[in-house]
C-alpha atoms as a PDB file:
ATOM      1  CA  MET A   1    -200.818  54.344  68.771  1.00  0.00           C
ATOM      2  CA  SER A   2    -199.602  57.935  68.472  1.00  0.00           C
ATOM      3  CA  THR A   3    -201.930  60.453  66.847  1.00  0.00           C
ATOM      4  CA  PRO A   4    -200.303  63.548  65.300  1.00  0.00           C
ATOM      5  CA  ARG A   5    -202.202  66.701  66.252  1.00  0.00           C
ATOM      6  CA  THR A   6    -203.214  69.132  63.512  1.00  0.00           C
ATOM      7  CA  HIS A   7    -204.985  71.783  65.599  1.00  0.00           C
ATOM      8  CA  PRO A   8    -203.502  73.435  68.709  1.00  0.00           C
ATOM      9  CA  PRO A   9    -205.635  73.347  71.863  1.00  0.00           C
ATOM     10  CA  ASP A  10    -207.129  76.695  72.828  1.00  0.00           C
ATOM     11  CA  THR A  11    -205.028  76.913  75.977  1.00  0.00           C
ATOM     12  CA  LEU A  12    -201.828  77.387  73.939  1.00  0.00           C
ATOM     13  CA  ASN A  13    -203.109  80.705  72.616  1.00  0.00           C
ATOM     14  CA  HIS A  14    -205.096  81.873  75.639  1.00  0.00           C
ATOM     15  CA  PRO A  15    -204.470  85.600  76.149  1.00  0.00           C
ATOM     16  CA  LYS A  16    -204.158  85.218  79.923  1.00  0.00           C
ATOM     17  CA  TRP A  17    -200.710  83.652  79.452  1.00  0.00           C
ATOM     18  CA  GLY A  18    -199.477  86.553  77.334  1.00  0.00           C
ATOM     19  CA  LYS A  19    -198.695  87.503  73.754  1.00  0.00           C
ATOM     20  CA  HIS A  20    -196.778  85.343  71.287  1.00  0.00           C
ATOM     21  CA  ARG A  21    -193.767  86.962  69.661  1.00  0.00           C
ATOM     22  CA  HIS A  22    -190.951  86.030  67.290  1.00  0.00           C
ATOM     23  CA  VAL A  23    -187.514  87.621  67.134  1.00  0.00           C
ATOM     24  CA  ASN A  24    -184.356  86.970  65.117  1.00  0.00           C
ATOM     25  CA  VAL A  25    -181.340  86.390  67.343  1.00  0.00           C
ATOM     26  CA  HIS A  26    -177.946  85.066  66.314  1.00  0.00           C
ATOM     27  CA  LYS A  27    -179.431  84.164  62.901  1.00  0.00           C
ATOM     28  CA  LEU A  28    -182.159  82.148  64.629  1.00  0.00           C
ATOM     29  CA  ASN A  29    -185.889  82.768  64.637  1.00  0.00           C
ATOM     30  CA  LEU A  30    -186.944  82.413  68.268  1.00  0.00           C
ATOM     31  CA  HIS A  31    -190.445  82.260  69.699  1.00  0.00           C
ATOM     32  CA  TYR A  32    -191.405  83.536  73.136  1.00  0.00           C
ATOM     33  CA  VAL A  33    -194.485  84.499  75.119  1.00  0.00           C
ATOM     34  CA  GLU A  34    -194.480  87.788  76.999  1.00  0.00           C
ATOM     35  CA  ASN A  35    -196.677  89.267  79.689  1.00  0.00           C
ATOM     36  CA  GLY A  36    -196.558  92.613  81.469  1.00  0.00           C
ATOM     37  CA  SER A  37    -194.975  95.875  80.375  1.00  0.00           C
ATOM     38  CA  SER A  38    -191.598  95.978  78.627  1.00  0.00           C
ATOM     39  CA  SER A  39    -190.839  99.105  80.671  1.00  0.00           C
ATOM     40  CA  LYS A  40    -190.445  96.879  83.743  1.00  0.00           C
ATOM     41  CA  PRO A  41    -187.397  94.743  84.618  1.00  0.00           C
ATOM     42  CA  LEU A  42    -187.070  91.622  82.472  1.00  0.00           C
ATOM     43  CA  MET A  43    -187.766  88.212  84.028  1.00  0.00           C
ATOM     44  CA  LEU A  44    -186.642  85.509  81.596  1.00  0.00           C
ATOM     45  CA  PHE A  45    -187.686  81.846  81.849  1.00  0.00           C
ATOM     46  CA  LEU A  46    -185.765  78.842  80.425  1.00  0.00           C
ATOM     47  CA  HIS A  47    -187.460  75.440  80.195  1.00  0.00           C
ATOM     48  CA  ASP A  48    -186.327  71.831  80.724  1.00  0.00           C
ATOM     49  CA  VAL A  49    -186.052  69.026  78.129  1.00  0.00           C
ATOM     50  CA  PRO A  50    -188.433  67.910  76.709  1.00  0.00           C
ATOM     51  CA  ASP A  51    -190.475  71.008  77.460  1.00  0.00           C
ATOM     52  CA  PHE A  52    -191.399  74.401  76.030  1.00  0.00           C
ATOM     53  CA  TRP A  53    -192.619  77.859  77.038  1.00  0.00           C
ATOM     54  CA  TYR A  54    -195.974  76.567  78.325  1.00  0.00           C
ATOM     55  CA  THR A  55    -194.328  75.115  81.424  1.00  0.00           C
ATOM     56  CA  TRP A  56    -194.056  78.708  82.764  1.00  0.00           C
ATOM     57  CA  ARG A  57    -197.660  79.784  82.098  1.00  0.00           C
ATOM     58  CA  HIS A  58    -198.482  80.293  85.794  1.00  0.00           C
ATOM     59  CA  GLN A  59    -195.363  82.360  86.435  1.00  0.00           C
ATOM     60  CA  LEU A  60    -195.925  84.468  83.305  1.00  0.00           C
ATOM     61  CA  GLN A  61    -199.128  85.638  84.954  1.00  0.00           C
ATOM     62  CA  GLU A  62    -198.004  85.809  88.554  1.00  0.00           C
ATOM     63  CA  PHE A  63    -194.955  88.005  88.070  1.00  0.00           C
ATOM     64  CA  SER A  64    -196.310  90.216  85.274  1.00  0.00           C
ATOM     65  CA  LYS A  65    -197.554  92.796  87.769  1.00  0.00           C
ATOM     66  CA  ASP A  66    -193.991  93.760  88.667  1.00  0.00           C
ATOM     67  CA  TYR A  67    -191.889  92.403  85.788  1.00  0.00           C
ATOM     68  CA  TRP A  68    -191.845  91.978  82.054  1.00  0.00           C
ATOM     69  CA  THR A  69    -192.114  88.193  81.977  1.00  0.00           C
ATOM     70  CA  VAL A  70    -190.754  86.353  78.938  1.00  0.00           C
ATOM     71  CA  ALA A  71    -190.867  82.560  78.497  1.00  0.00           C
ATOM     72  CA  LEU A  72    -188.599  81.432  75.677  1.00  0.00           C
ATOM     73  CA  ASP A  73    -188.849  78.399  73.424  1.00  0.00           C
ATOM     74  CA  LEU A  74    -185.191  77.409  73.282  1.00  0.00           C
ATOM     75  CA  PRO A  75    -183.786  76.604  69.814  1.00  0.00           C
ATOM     76  CA  GLY A  76    -185.237  73.293  68.634  1.00  0.00           C
ATOM     77  CA  PHE A  77    -188.323  73.518  70.839  1.00  0.00           C
ATOM     78  CA  GLY A  78    -191.909  74.657  70.367  1.00  0.00           C
ATOM     79  CA  ARG A  79    -192.218  77.332  67.710  1.00  0.00           C
ATOM     80  CA  SER A  80    -188.553  78.341  67.698  1.00  0.00           C
ATOM     81  CA  GLU A  81    -186.341  77.477  64.763  1.00  0.00           C
ATOM     82  CA  ALA A  82    -184.552  74.129  64.890  1.00  0.00           C
ATOM     83  CA  PRO A  83    -181.206  74.302  63.059  1.00  0.00           C
ATOM     84  CA  ARG A  84    -179.768  71.035  61.791  1.00  0.00           C
ATOM     85  CA  ASN A  85    -176.293  71.972  62.981  1.00  0.00           C
ATOM     86  CA  ALA A  86    -175.888  70.173  66.306  1.00  0.00           C
ATOM     87  CA  SER A  87    -173.367  72.752  67.535  1.00  0.00           C
ATOM     88  CA  THR A  88    -176.253  75.225  67.885  1.00  0.00           C
ATOM     89  CA  TYR A  89    -177.368  73.265  70.931  1.00  0.00           C
ATOM     90  CA  ARG A  90    -174.043  73.270  72.740  1.00  0.00           C
ATOM     91  CA  LEU A  91    -174.313  74.920  76.116  1.00  0.00           C
ATOM     92  CA  SER A  92    -171.834  77.672  75.259  1.00  0.00           C
ATOM     93  CA  ASN A  93    -173.672  78.580  72.042  1.00  0.00           C
ATOM     94  CA  LEU A  94    -177.087  78.517  73.700  1.00  0.00           C
ATOM     95  CA  ALA A  95    -175.752  80.832  76.411  1.00  0.00           C
ATOM     96  CA  ARG A  96    -174.583  83.339  73.813  1.00  0.00           C
ATOM     97  CA  THR A  97    -177.967  83.142  72.094  1.00  0.00           C
ATOM     98  CA  VAL A  98    -179.820  83.858  75.342  1.00  0.00           C
ATOM     99  CA  CYS A  99    -177.549  86.802  76.141  1.00  0.00           C
ATOM    100  CA  GLU A 100    -178.084  88.225  72.658  1.00  0.00           C
ATOM    101  CA  LEU A 101    -181.823  87.824  73.177  1.00  0.00           C
ATOM    102  CA  ILE A 102    -181.604  89.939  76.332  1.00  0.00           C
ATOM    103  CA  GLU A 103    -179.869  92.671  74.333  1.00  0.00           C
ATOM    104  CA  THR A 104    -182.323  92.361  71.441  1.00  0.00           C
ATOM    105  CA  LEU A 105    -185.182  92.849  73.891  1.00  0.00           C
ATOM    106  CA  GLY A 106    -183.569  96.139  74.869  1.00  0.00           C
ATOM    107  CA  LYS A 107    -182.355  95.109  78.319  1.00  0.00           C
ATOM    108  CA  LYS A 108    -178.908  95.006  79.913  1.00  0.00           C
ATOM    109  CA  ASP A 109    -179.757  92.172  82.273  1.00  0.00           C
ATOM    110  CA  CYS A 110    -182.589  90.013  83.593  1.00  0.00           C
ATOM    111  CA  ILE A 111    -183.871  88.001  86.492  1.00  0.00           C
ATOM    112  CA  LEU A 112    -183.212  84.475  85.221  1.00  0.00           C
ATOM    113  CA  ILE A 113    -185.521  81.572  86.113  1.00  0.00           C
ATOM    114  CA  ALA A 114    -184.710  78.078  84.815  1.00  0.00           C
ATOM    115  CA  ASN A 115    -185.577  74.433  85.399  1.00  0.00           C
ATOM    116  CA  GLY A 116    -183.814  71.124  84.750  1.00  0.00           C
ATOM    117  CA  CYS A 117    -181.654  71.221  81.626  1.00  0.00           C
ATOM    118  CA  GLY A 118    -182.633  74.871  81.349  1.00  0.00           C
ATOM    119  CA  ALA A 119    -180.926  75.313  84.714  1.00  0.00           C
ATOM    120  CA  LEU A 120    -177.723  73.774  83.299  1.00  0.00           C
ATOM    121  CA  LEU A 121    -177.862  76.586  80.755  1.00  0.00           C
ATOM    122  CA  GLY A 122    -178.796  79.111  83.425  1.00  0.00           C
ATOM    123  CA  TRP A 123    -175.825  78.243  85.648  1.00  0.00           C
ATOM    124  CA  HIS A 124    -173.534  78.599  82.631  1.00  0.00           C
ATOM    125  CA  ILE A 125    -174.897  82.084  81.969  1.00  0.00           C
ATOM    126  CA  VAL A 126    -174.436  83.051  85.626  1.00  0.00           C
ATOM    127  CA  ASN A 127    -170.799  81.882  85.435  1.00  0.00           C
ATOM    128  CA  GLN A 128    -169.827  83.249  82.043  1.00  0.00           C
ATOM    129  CA  TYR A 129    -172.072  86.297  81.658  1.00  0.00           C
ATOM    130  CA  PRO A 130    -172.758  87.571  85.201  1.00  0.00           C
ATOM    131  CA  GLU A 131    -173.368  91.078  83.877  1.00  0.00           C
ATOM    132  CA  ARG A 132    -176.523  89.743  82.177  1.00  0.00           C
ATOM    133  CA  VAL A 133    -178.102  88.436  85.386  1.00  0.00           C
ATOM    134  CA  SER A 134    -179.269  90.574  88.301  1.00  0.00           C
ATOM    135  CA  LYS A 135    -180.833  87.707  90.291  1.00  0.00           C
ATOM    136  CA  TYR A 136    -181.708  84.104  89.532  1.00  0.00           C
ATOM    137  CA  VAL A 137    -183.753  81.071  90.532  1.00  0.00           C
ATOM    138  CA  MET A 138    -182.549  77.649  89.339  1.00  0.00           C
ATOM    139  CA  MET A 139    -184.524  74.444  89.822  1.00  0.00           C
ATOM    140  CA  GLY A 140    -183.676  70.769  89.788  1.00  0.00           C
ATOM    141  CA  LEU A 141    -180.068  70.476  88.579  1.00  0.00           C
ATOM    142  CA  PRO A 142    -176.776  71.996  89.753  1.00  0.00           C
ATOM    143  CA  SER A 143    -174.263  73.324  87.248  1.00  0.00           C
ATOM    144  CA  LEU A 144    -172.197  71.006  85.050  1.00  0.00           C
ATOM    145  CA  GLY A 145    -169.116  72.323  86.829  1.00  0.00           C
ATOM    146  CA  VAL A 146    -170.487  71.103  90.167  1.00  0.00           C
ATOM    147  CA  LEU A 147    -171.403  67.730  88.630  1.00  0.00           C
ATOM    148  CA  GLN A 148    -167.873  67.372  87.262  1.00  0.00           C
ATOM    149  CA  GLU A 149    -166.411  68.286  90.630  1.00  0.00           C
ATOM    150  CA  LEU A 150    -168.570  65.625  92.296  1.00  0.00           C
ATOM    151  CA  GLN A 151    -167.301  63.048  89.836  1.00  0.00           C
ATOM    152  CA  GLU A 152    -163.647  64.050  90.273  1.00  0.00           C
ATOM    153  CA  ARG A 153    -163.940  63.909  94.051  1.00  0.00           C
ATOM    154  CA  ALA A 154    -165.702  60.533  93.752  1.00  0.00           C
ATOM    155  CA  LEU A 155    -168.579  61.928  95.802  1.00  0.00           C
ATOM    156  CA  VAL A 156    -171.080  60.681  93.220  1.00  0.00           C
ATOM    157  CA  PRO A 157    -170.592  57.499  91.157  1.00  0.00           C
ATOM    158  CA  LEU A 158    -170.571  57.913  87.394  1.00  0.00           C
ATOM    159  CA  SER A 159    -173.588  55.585  87.259  1.00  0.00           C
ATOM    160  CA  GLU A 160    -175.691  58.200  89.078  1.00  0.00           C
ATOM    161  CA  LEU A 161    -174.635  60.906  86.638  1.00  0.00           C
ATOM    162  CA  LEU A 162    -175.511  58.650  83.731  1.00  0.00           C
ATOM    163  CA  LYS A 163    -179.002  58.191  85.144  1.00  0.00           C
ATOM    164  CA  ILE A 164    -179.547  61.913  84.667  1.00  0.00           C
ATOM    165  CA  GLY A 165    -178.356  61.670  81.071  1.00  0.00           C
ATOM    166  CA  PHE A 166    -179.865  58.336  80.113  1.00  0.00           C
ATOM    167  CA  LEU A 167    -181.470  59.753  76.972  1.00  0.00           C
ATOM    168  CA  SER A 168    -178.024  60.349  75.487  1.00  0.00           C
ATOM    169  CA  VAL A 169    -177.428  56.590  75.612  1.00  0.00           C
ATOM    170  CA  PHE A 170    -180.800  55.636  74.123  1.00  0.00           C
ATOM    171  CA  HIS A 171    -181.303  58.589  71.794  1.00  0.00           C
ATOM    172  CA  SER A 172    -182.990  57.009  68.785  1.00  0.00           C
ATOM    173  CA  LEU A 173    -184.793  54.437  70.924  1.00  0.00           C
ATOM    174  CA  SER A 174    -186.193  57.164  73.169  1.00  0.00           C
ATOM    175  CA  ILE A 175    -187.719  58.976  70.185  1.00  0.00           C
ATOM    176  CA  LYS A 176    -189.624  55.816  69.287  1.00  0.00           C
ATOM    177  CA  LEU A 177    -190.642  55.084  72.868  1.00  0.00           C
ATOM    178  CA  ALA A 178    -191.869  58.643  73.393  1.00  0.00           C
ATOM    179  CA  ARG A 179    -194.447  58.115  70.646  1.00  0.00           C
ATOM    180  CA  VAL A 180    -195.803  54.859  72.078  1.00  0.00           C
ATOM    181  CA  GLY A 181    -199.411  54.830  73.293  1.00  0.00           C
ATOM    182  CA  ASP A 182    -200.434  58.236  71.976  1.00  0.00           C
ATOM    183  CA  TYR A 183    -197.396  59.951  73.473  1.00  0.00           C
ATOM    184  CA  GLN A 184    -197.757  58.138  76.786  1.00  0.00           C
ATOM    185  CA  MET A 185    -194.422  59.688  77.765  1.00  0.00           C
ATOM    186  CA  PHE A 186    -196.205  62.964  78.470  1.00  0.00           C
ATOM    187  CA  ASN A 187    -198.957  61.273  80.476  1.00  0.00           C
ATOM    188  CA  ASN A 188    -196.173  60.112  82.764  1.00  0.00           C
ATOM    189  CA  LEU A 189    -194.138  63.311  82.619  1.00  0.00           C
ATOM    190  CA  VAL A 190    -196.773  65.989  83.250  1.00  0.00           C
ATOM    191  CA  GLY A 191    -200.091  64.108  83.373  1.00  0.00           C
ATOM    192  CA  PRO A 192    -200.273  63.573  87.153  1.00  0.00           C
ATOM    193  CA  PHE A 193    -200.485  67.324  87.842  1.00  0.00           C
ATOM    194  CA  SER A 194    -201.977  68.593  84.567  1.00  0.00           C
ATOM    195  CA  LYS A 195    -205.478  69.328  83.373  1.00  0.00           C
ATOM    196  CA  PRO A 196    -206.553  67.560  80.154  1.00  0.00           C
ATOM    197  CA  GLN A 197    -205.994  70.693  78.069  1.00  0.00           C
ATOM    198  CA  ASP A 198    -202.479  71.090  79.497  1.00  0.00           C
ATOM    199  CA  LEU A 199    -201.585  67.512  78.612  1.00  0.00           C
ATOM    200  CA  GLU A 200    -202.984  68.046  75.128  1.00  0.00           C
ATOM    201  CA  ALA A 201    -200.786  71.146  74.764  1.00  0.00           C
ATOM    202  CA  TYR A 202    -197.723  68.956  75.273  1.00  0.00           C
ATOM    203  CA  LYS A 203    -198.932  66.241  72.924  1.00  0.00           C
ATOM    204  CA  TYR A 204    -199.772  68.766  70.226  1.00  0.00           C
ATOM    205  CA  THR A 205    -196.406  70.508  70.494  1.00  0.00           C
ATOM    206  CA  PHE A 206    -194.295  67.365  70.465  1.00  0.00           C
ATOM    207  CA  SER A 207    -196.372  65.582  67.824  1.00  0.00           C
ATOM    208  CA  GLN A 208    -195.300  68.124  65.222  1.00  0.00           C
ATOM    209  CA  PRO A 209    -192.872  66.843  62.553  1.00  0.00           C
ATOM    210  CA  ASN A 210    -189.422  66.102  64.014  1.00  0.00           C
ATOM    211  CA  ALA A 211    -190.245  67.877  67.293  1.00  0.00           C
ATOM    212  CA  LEU A 212    -189.104  64.997  69.495  1.00  0.00           C
ATOM    213  CA  ALA A 213    -185.980  64.401  67.429  1.00  0.00           C
ATOM    214  CA  ARG A 214    -185.011  68.066  67.740  1.00  0.00           C
ATOM    215  CA  ALA A 215    -185.672  68.116  71.470  1.00  0.00           C
ATOM    216  CA  LEU A 216    -183.640  65.010  72.160  1.00  0.00           C
ATOM    217  CA  THR A 217    -180.791  66.188  69.929  1.00  0.00           C
ATOM    218  CA  ALA A 218    -180.584  69.287  72.101  1.00  0.00           C
ATOM    219  CA  PHE A 219    -180.559  67.160  75.249  1.00  0.00           C
ATOM    220  CA  VAL A 220    -177.844  64.847  73.930  1.00  0.00           C
ATOM    221  CA  GLN A 221    -175.628  67.757  72.883  1.00  0.00           C
ATOM    222  CA  ASN A 222    -175.928  69.362  76.315  1.00  0.00           C
ATOM    223  CA  TRP A 223    -175.193  66.123  78.116  1.00  0.00           C
ATOM    224  CA  ASN A 224    -172.226  65.373  75.848  1.00  0.00           C
ATOM    225  CA  ASP A 225    -170.802  68.706  76.990  1.00  0.00           C
ATOM    226  CA  PHE A 226    -170.377  67.148  80.411  1.00  0.00           C
ATOM    227  CA  PHE A 227    -167.864  64.686  79.007  1.00  0.00           C
ATOM    228  CA  VAL A 228    -166.118  66.723  76.290  1.00  0.00           C
ATOM    229  CA  GLU A 229    -165.871  70.207  77.829  1.00  0.00           C
ATOM    230  CA  LYS A 230    -164.147  71.122  81.063  1.00  0.00           C
ATOM    231  CA  PHE A 231    -166.321  73.521  83.027  1.00  0.00           C
ATOM    232  CA  GLU A 232    -163.730  75.181  85.203  1.00  0.00           C
ATOM    233  CA  PHE A 233    -165.059  74.855  88.727  1.00  0.00           C
ATOM    234  CA  ARG A 234    -161.910  76.049  90.502  1.00  0.00           C
ATOM    235  CA  VAL A 235    -160.719  78.701  88.043  1.00  0.00           C
ATOM    236  CA  CYS A 236    -163.908  80.750  87.730  1.00  0.00           C
ATOM    237  CA  LYS A 237    -164.433  83.340  90.406  1.00  0.00           C
ATOM    238  CA  PRO A 238    -167.356  82.642  92.734  1.00  0.00           C
ATOM    239  CA  ALA A 239    -170.537  84.241  91.483  1.00  0.00           C
ATOM    240  CA  THR A 240    -171.731  87.182  93.576  1.00  0.00           C
ATOM    241  CA  ILE A 241    -175.273  87.387  92.202  1.00  0.00           C
ATOM    242  CA  PRO A 242    -178.157  86.740  94.631  1.00  0.00           C
ATOM    243  CA  GLY A 243    -179.583  83.322  93.826  1.00  0.00           C
ATOM    244  CA  LEU A 244    -182.099  80.702  94.900  1.00  0.00           C
ATOM    245  CA  PHE A 245    -181.789  76.974  94.146  1.00  0.00           C
ATOM    246  CA  LEU A 246    -184.997  74.947  94.413  1.00  0.00           C
ATOM    247  CA  VAL A 247    -185.169  71.149  94.393  1.00  0.00           C
ATOM    248  CA  GLY A 248    -188.384  69.152  94.293  1.00  0.00           C
ATOM    249  CA  GLU A 249    -188.538  66.924  97.349  1.00  0.00           C
ATOM    250  CA  ASN A 250    -189.194  63.877  95.146  1.00  0.00           C
ATOM    251  CA  ASN A 251    -186.637  64.741  92.458  1.00  0.00           C
ATOM    252  CA  GLN A 252    -183.248  64.136  94.017  1.00  0.00           C
ATOM    253  CA  SER A 253    -181.416  62.221  91.293  1.00  0.00           C
ATOM    254  CA  ILE A 254    -178.366  63.203  93.310  1.00  0.00           C
ATOM    255  CA  SER A 255    -178.984  63.939  96.971  1.00  0.00           C
ATOM    256  CA  LEU A 256    -178.739  67.663  97.698  1.00  0.00           C
ATOM    257  CA  ASP A 257    -176.587  67.060 100.770  1.00  0.00           C
ATOM    258  CA  LYS A 258    -173.814  65.739  98.485  1.00  0.00           C
ATOM    259  CA  TYR A 259    -173.341  69.055  96.740  1.00  0.00           C
ATOM    260  CA  SER A 260    -175.067  71.827  98.707  1.00  0.00           C
ATOM    261  CA  THR A 261    -171.772  72.995 100.253  1.00  0.00           C
ATOM    262  CA  LEU A 262    -170.105  73.122  96.828  1.00  0.00           C
ATOM    263  CA  MET A 263    -173.015  75.134  95.486  1.00  0.00           C
ATOM    264  CA  ILE A 264    -173.028  77.638  98.324  1.00  0.00           C
ATOM    265  CA  ASP A 265    -169.230  78.113  98.132  1.00  0.00           C
ATOM    266  CA  LYS A 266    -169.366  78.670  94.377  1.00  0.00           C
ATOM    267  CA  TYR A 267    -172.531  80.764  94.181  1.00  0.00           C
ATOM    268  CA  LYS A 268    -172.589  83.330  96.978  1.00  0.00           C
ATOM    269  CA  PRO A 269    -175.058  84.526  98.117  1.00  0.00           C
ATOM    270  CA  LEU A 270    -177.114  81.396  97.360  1.00  0.00           C
ATOM    271  CA  GLU A 271    -180.088  80.000  99.247  1.00  0.00           C
ATOM    272  CA  THR A 272    -181.174  76.375  98.739  1.00  0.00           C
ATOM    273  CA  ARG A 273    -184.672  75.079  99.462  1.00  0.00           C
ATOM    274  CA  PHE A 274    -186.708  71.923  99.032  1.00  0.00           C
ATOM    275  CA  VAL A 275    -190.161  72.266  97.498  1.00  0.00           C
ATOM    276  CA  PRO A 276    -192.349  69.798  99.439  1.00  0.00           C
ATOM    277  CA  ARG A 277    -194.363  67.138  97.598  1.00  0.00           C
ATOM    278  CA  THR A 278    -193.024  68.058  94.156  1.00  0.00           C
ATOM    279  CA  GLY A 279    -190.758  66.368  91.639  1.00  0.00           C
ATOM    280  CA  ARG A 280    -189.197  67.453  88.370  1.00  0.00           C
ATOM    281  CA  PHE A 281    -191.539  70.390  87.697  1.00  0.00           C
ATOM    282  CA  PRO A 282    -192.128  72.177  91.018  1.00  0.00           C
ATOM    283  CA  HIS A 283    -193.330  75.341  89.256  1.00  0.00           C
ATOM    284  CA  GLN A 284    -196.138  73.341  87.616  1.00  0.00           C
ATOM    285  CA  GLU A 285    -196.862  70.812  90.344  1.00  0.00           C
ATOM    286  CA  ASP A 286    -197.228  73.585  92.897  1.00  0.00           C
ATOM    287  CA  PRO A 287    -197.628  76.948  91.142  1.00  0.00           C
ATOM    288  CA  ASN A 288    -197.289  78.616  94.534  1.00  0.00           C
ATOM    289  CA  THR A 289    -193.589  77.827  94.183  1.00  0.00           C
ATOM    290  CA  GLY A 290    -193.624  81.254  92.581  1.00  0.00           C
ATOM    291  CA  LEU A 291    -194.440  82.688  95.981  1.00  0.00           C
ATOM    292  CA  ILE A 292    -191.249  81.103  97.299  1.00  0.00           C
ATOM    293  CA  ALA A 293    -189.275  82.632  94.454  1.00  0.00           C
ATOM    294  CA  SER A 294    -190.875  86.015  95.075  1.00  0.00           C
ATOM    295  CA  SER A 295    -189.069  86.225  98.420  1.00  0.00           C
ATOM    296  CA  LEU A 296    -185.861  86.617  96.425  1.00  0.00           C
ATOM    297  CA  MET A 297    -187.340  89.358  94.290  1.00  0.00           C
ATOM    298  CA  GLU A 298    -188.414  91.610  97.145  1.00  0.00           C
END
């Protein structure tokens, strides 16, 4: 049976990860954790679903020597505000919010690091707001435009795409299932590579009132974008920002060889790499993934 948590584990507020901040952006109160000096170039991290800033704790430390590292709780997650208006969570609106955050932080652009559904948002920012990104590292998922192109070319069956977005089909059911067995979902999601205090950080965060409902609403809205918005793959000019695309060796919902050429043609110069022995969260499963990413930053 699920047990709501009333006290956050110490690891959530450990100073080694950085300082907790709040900022008002686009009429939203957003929470983020920062490390390093704000005088340095901004490195901005976007998390997956369901996830929150804590997923980037290792990278907040690792890159803070050379960058101002900022891990954001996206709207509806963690300590950030969760508007009831579902349109807030549309990919286009989230992208504008992130770009306004960059400006609010006093920067013209950033090095953008994103994973999973956060990468869907990251690719959109690279396409629509290239002036806000100097370099980027995306993990796990290609852009929605690439996914649509795969579907139109019949290179990937619709059934495979639906596997990625299965929560949009079982939205309300998934909220109930996620709470089963004291949030067993997170034992399965991050437990195999997490310390007990890390797992408790997830259970505390997502046991807060309506936290899972907000998170899954955001996921559903993003996935619905795939079907209701046309992400112009052919019309947009190829991106010219240096980029790195990482895929966990055990997390190929769609085989990389089916879309790597599309990715490289669309996002030049782009390097693609597998991260051995990792799945959905390579940056947590093998924190040294950051060392791979650092090759791009040199």
